[in-house]
C-alpha atoms as a PDB file:
ATOM      1  CA  MET A   1      90.775 108.695 169.882  1.00  0.00           C
ATOM      2  CA  TYR A   2      88.328 106.881 172.139  1.00  0.00           C
ATOM      3  CA  ILE A   3      88.652 104.068 174.635  1.00  0.00           C
ATOM      4  CA  TYR A   4      85.917 101.496 175.043  1.00  0.00           C
ATOM      5  CA  ASN A   5      86.456 100.258 178.595  1.00  0.00           C
ATOM      6  CA  VAL A   6      84.854  97.061 179.893  1.00  0.00           C
ATOM      7  CA  THR A   7      85.209  96.484 183.632  1.00  0.00           C
ATOM      8  CA  THR A   8      84.342  92.959 184.765  1.00  0.00           C
ATOM      9  CA  ASN A   9      84.107  91.411 188.215  1.00  0.00           C
ATOM     10  CA  ILE A  10      84.489  87.637 187.896  1.00  0.00           C
ATOM     11  CA  GLU A  11      84.049  84.987 190.584  1.00  0.00           C
ATOM     12  CA  GLU A  12      87.364  83.645 191.871  1.00  0.00           C
ATOM     13  CA  SER A  13      86.369  80.054 191.002  1.00  0.00           C
ATOM     14  CA  THR A  14      85.971  81.031 187.332  1.00  0.00           C
ATOM     15  CA  GLN A  15      88.742  83.628 187.097  1.00  0.00           C
ATOM     16  CA  GLU A  16      91.513  81.465 185.613  1.00  0.00           C
ATOM     17  CA  ARG A  17      89.300  80.066 182.830  1.00  0.00           C
ATOM     18  CA  TRP A  18      87.840  83.527 182.094  1.00  0.00           C
ATOM     19  CA  VAL A  19      91.278  85.195 181.863  1.00  0.00           C
ATOM     20  CA  LYS A  20      92.476  82.498 179.457  1.00  0.00           C
ATOM     21  CA  TRP A  21      89.333  82.926 177.340  1.00  0.00           C
ATOM     22  CA  MET A  22      89.754  86.699 177.305  1.00  0.00           C
ATOM     23  CA  LYS A  23      93.401  86.481 176.200  1.00  0.00           C
ATOM     24  CA  ASP A  24      93.044  83.622 173.720  1.00  0.00           C
ATOM     25  CA  LYS A  25      89.554  84.216 172.291  1.00  0.00           C
ATOM     26  CA  HIS A  26      87.543  87.291 173.225  1.00  0.00           C
ATOM     27  CA  ILE A  27      90.146  90.048 172.856  1.00  0.00           C
ATOM     28  CA  PRO A  28      91.401  88.605 169.532  1.00  0.00           C
ATOM     29  CA  ASP A  29      87.762  88.386 168.350  1.00  0.00           C
ATOM     30  CA  MET A  30      87.189  92.028 169.314  1.00  0.00           C
ATOM     31  CA  LEU A  31      90.294  93.106 167.402  1.00  0.00           C
ATOM     32  CA  ALA A  32      89.265  90.933 164.441  1.00  0.00           C
ATOM     33  CA  THR A  33      86.178  93.113 163.954  1.00  0.00           C
ATOM     34  CA  GLY A  34      88.598  95.639 162.469  1.00  0.00           C
ATOM     35  CA  LYS A  35      87.141  98.409 164.584  1.00  0.00           C
ATOM     36  CA  PHE A  36      89.724  98.573 167.372  1.00  0.00           C
ATOM     37  CA  ILE A  37      93.407  99.394 167.012  1.00  0.00           C
ATOM     38  CA  GLY A  38      94.587  97.859 170.268  1.00  0.00           C
ATOM     39  CA  ALA A  39      93.599  96.441 173.635  1.00  0.00           C
ATOM     40  CA  LYS A  40      95.035  96.482 177.129  1.00  0.00           C
ATOM     41  CA  MET A  41      93.880  94.156 179.913  1.00  0.00           C
ATOM     42  CA  SER A  42      94.554  95.128 183.527  1.00  0.00           C
ATOM     43  CA  LYS A  43      93.754  93.573 186.882  1.00  0.00           C
ATOM     44  CA  VAL A  44      92.179  96.019 189.333  1.00  0.00           C
ATOM     45  CA  LEU A  45      94.174  95.935 192.566  1.00  0.00           C
ATOM     46  CA  VAL A  46      91.396  97.157 194.853  1.00  0.00           C
ATOM     47  CA  GLU A  47      89.435  94.477 196.680  1.00  0.00           C
ATOM     48  CA  GLU A  48      85.711  94.617 196.025  1.00  0.00           C
ATOM     49  CA  ASP A  49      83.178  94.338 198.844  1.00  0.00           C
ATOM     50  CA  MET A  50      81.188  91.925 196.697  1.00  0.00           C
ATOM     51  CA  GLY A  51      84.198  89.600 196.340  1.00  0.00           C
ATOM     52  CA  GLY A  52      85.541  88.236 193.102  1.00  0.00           C
ATOM     53  CA  VAL A  53      88.368  89.689 191.058  1.00  0.00           C
ATOM     54  CA  THR A  54      87.987  92.758 188.851  1.00  0.00           C
ATOM     55  CA  TYR A  55      89.591  93.402 185.473  1.00  0.00           C
ATOM     56  CA  SER A  56      89.487  96.319 183.058  1.00  0.00           C
ATOM     57  CA  VAL A  57      89.943  95.854 179.337  1.00  0.00           C
ATOM     58  CA  GLN A  58      90.489  99.005 177.318  1.00  0.00           C
ATOM     59  CA  PHE A  59      89.954  98.848 173.572  1.00  0.00           C
ATOM     60  CA  SER A  60      91.337 101.793 171.578  1.00  0.00           C
ATOM     61  CA  VAL A  61      89.210 103.054 168.695  1.00  0.00           C
ATOM     62  CA  LEU A  62      89.935 105.938 166.341  1.00  0.00           C
ATOM     63  CA  ASP A  63      86.553 107.662 166.426  1.00  0.00           C
ATOM     64  CA  LYS A  64      83.035 107.581 167.839  1.00  0.00           C
ATOM     65  CA  ALA A  65      81.522 106.529 164.490  1.00  0.00           C
ATOM     66  CA  THR A  66      83.634 103.363 164.473  1.00  0.00           C
ATOM     67  CA  LEU A  67      82.594 102.571 168.034  1.00  0.00           C
ATOM     68  CA  GLU A  68      78.943 103.021 167.047  1.00  0.00           C
ATOM     69  CA  LYS A  69      79.490 100.573 164.153  1.00  0.00           C
ATOM     70  CA  TYR A  70      80.853  98.064 166.670  1.00  0.00           C
ATOM     71  CA  TYR A  71      77.682  98.382 168.756  1.00  0.00           C
ATOM     72  CA  ILE A  72      75.471  97.835 165.705  1.00  0.00           C
ATOM     73  CA  GLU A  73      77.448  95.112 163.932  1.00  0.00           C
ATOM     74  CA  ASP A  74      79.328  93.121 166.566  1.00  0.00           C
ATOM     75  CA  ALA A  75      78.488  93.838 170.215  1.00  0.00           C
ATOM     76  CA  THR A  76      75.460  91.578 170.626  1.00  0.00           C
ATOM     77  CA  LYS A  77      77.172  88.485 169.236  1.00  0.00           C
ATOM     78  CA  LEU A  78      80.341  88.967 171.276  1.00  0.00           C
ATOM     79  CA  ARG A  79      78.439  89.679 174.496  1.00  0.00           C
ATOM     80  CA  GLU A  80      76.213  86.631 173.999  1.00  0.00           C
ATOM     81  CA  GLU A  81      79.253  84.370 173.818  1.00  0.00           C
ATOM     82  CA  ALA A  82      80.497  85.659 177.182  1.00  0.00           C
ATOM     83  CA  ASN A  83      77.050  85.181 178.701  1.00  0.00           C
ATOM     84  CA  ALA A  84      76.791  81.630 177.350  1.00  0.00           C
ATOM     85  CA  LEU A  85      80.158  80.614 178.785  1.00  0.00           C
ATOM     86  CA  PHE A  86      80.159  82.490 182.092  1.00  0.00           C
ATOM     87  CA  ALA A  87      76.508  83.214 182.942  1.00  0.00           C
ATOM     88  CA  GLY A  88      76.034  84.016 186.620  1.00  0.00           C
ATOM     89  CA  SER A  89      79.796  84.243 187.245  1.00  0.00           C
ATOM     90  CA  PHE A  90      80.419  87.862 186.348  1.00  0.00           C
ATOM     91  CA  VAL A  91      79.142  91.403 186.357  1.00  0.00           C
ATOM     92  CA  ALA A  92      80.360  93.843 183.689  1.00  0.00           C
ATOM     93  CA  PHE A  93      79.887  97.502 182.931  1.00  0.00           C
ATOM     94  CA  ARG A  94      81.064  99.499 179.978  1.00  0.00           C
ATOM     95  CA  THR A  95      82.398 103.036 179.761  1.00  0.00           C
ATOM     96  CA  GLU A  96      83.310 105.204 176.791  1.00  0.00           C
ATOM     97  CA  LEU A  97      86.275 107.519 177.256  1.00  0.00           C
ATOM     98  CA  GLU A  98      87.472 110.276 174.967  1.00  0.00           C
ATOM     99  CA  VAL A  99      91.221 110.794 174.989  1.00  0.00           C
ATOM    100  CA  VAL A 100      91.753 114.525 175.544  1.00  0.00           C
ATOM    101  CA  HIS A 101      95.527 114.531 175.756  1.00  0.00           C
ATOM    102  CA  GLU A 102      98.258 111.938 175.861  1.00  0.00           C
ATOM    103  CA  HIS A 103     101.793 112.276 177.204  1.00  0.00           C
ATOM    104  CA  THR A 104     104.500 109.710 176.611  1.00  0.00           C
ATOM    105  CA  ALA A 105     107.904 109.458 178.198  1.00  0.00           C
ATOM    106  CA  ILE A 106     110.872 108.872 175.947  1.00  0.00           C
END
C-alpha cells in the first residue's frame, strides 16, 4: 500500500473556508476518482515560521500503478480547482510514502 500525502500551509484568513472545501468537496472528489481507498486529514500542531496553519491529507492507494494513473488522469484538474479558489493563499507539497509495515492495537 502507498500513501499520497499532501501537506498544505494555508493563510489563517482563508483557513476556515479551505477546511470546509477540503472536507465537503476536494477530498470527496479525490475519492470519487476511484483510485484511493481512504483519506485522513490532520492539522499539524507545530507552528510554522512563515505563519499560517498547516494540514496534512493522506490518501491511501493500493499500488504505485494506481497512483500513477491518478497523476495522468486526475491530478491536473483537481489541482487547478484548488489554485482557482485559493490562489496566493497556500503553499502545498506532495510526498509519496510506501507502507512497509503496519501495526494495529486491538
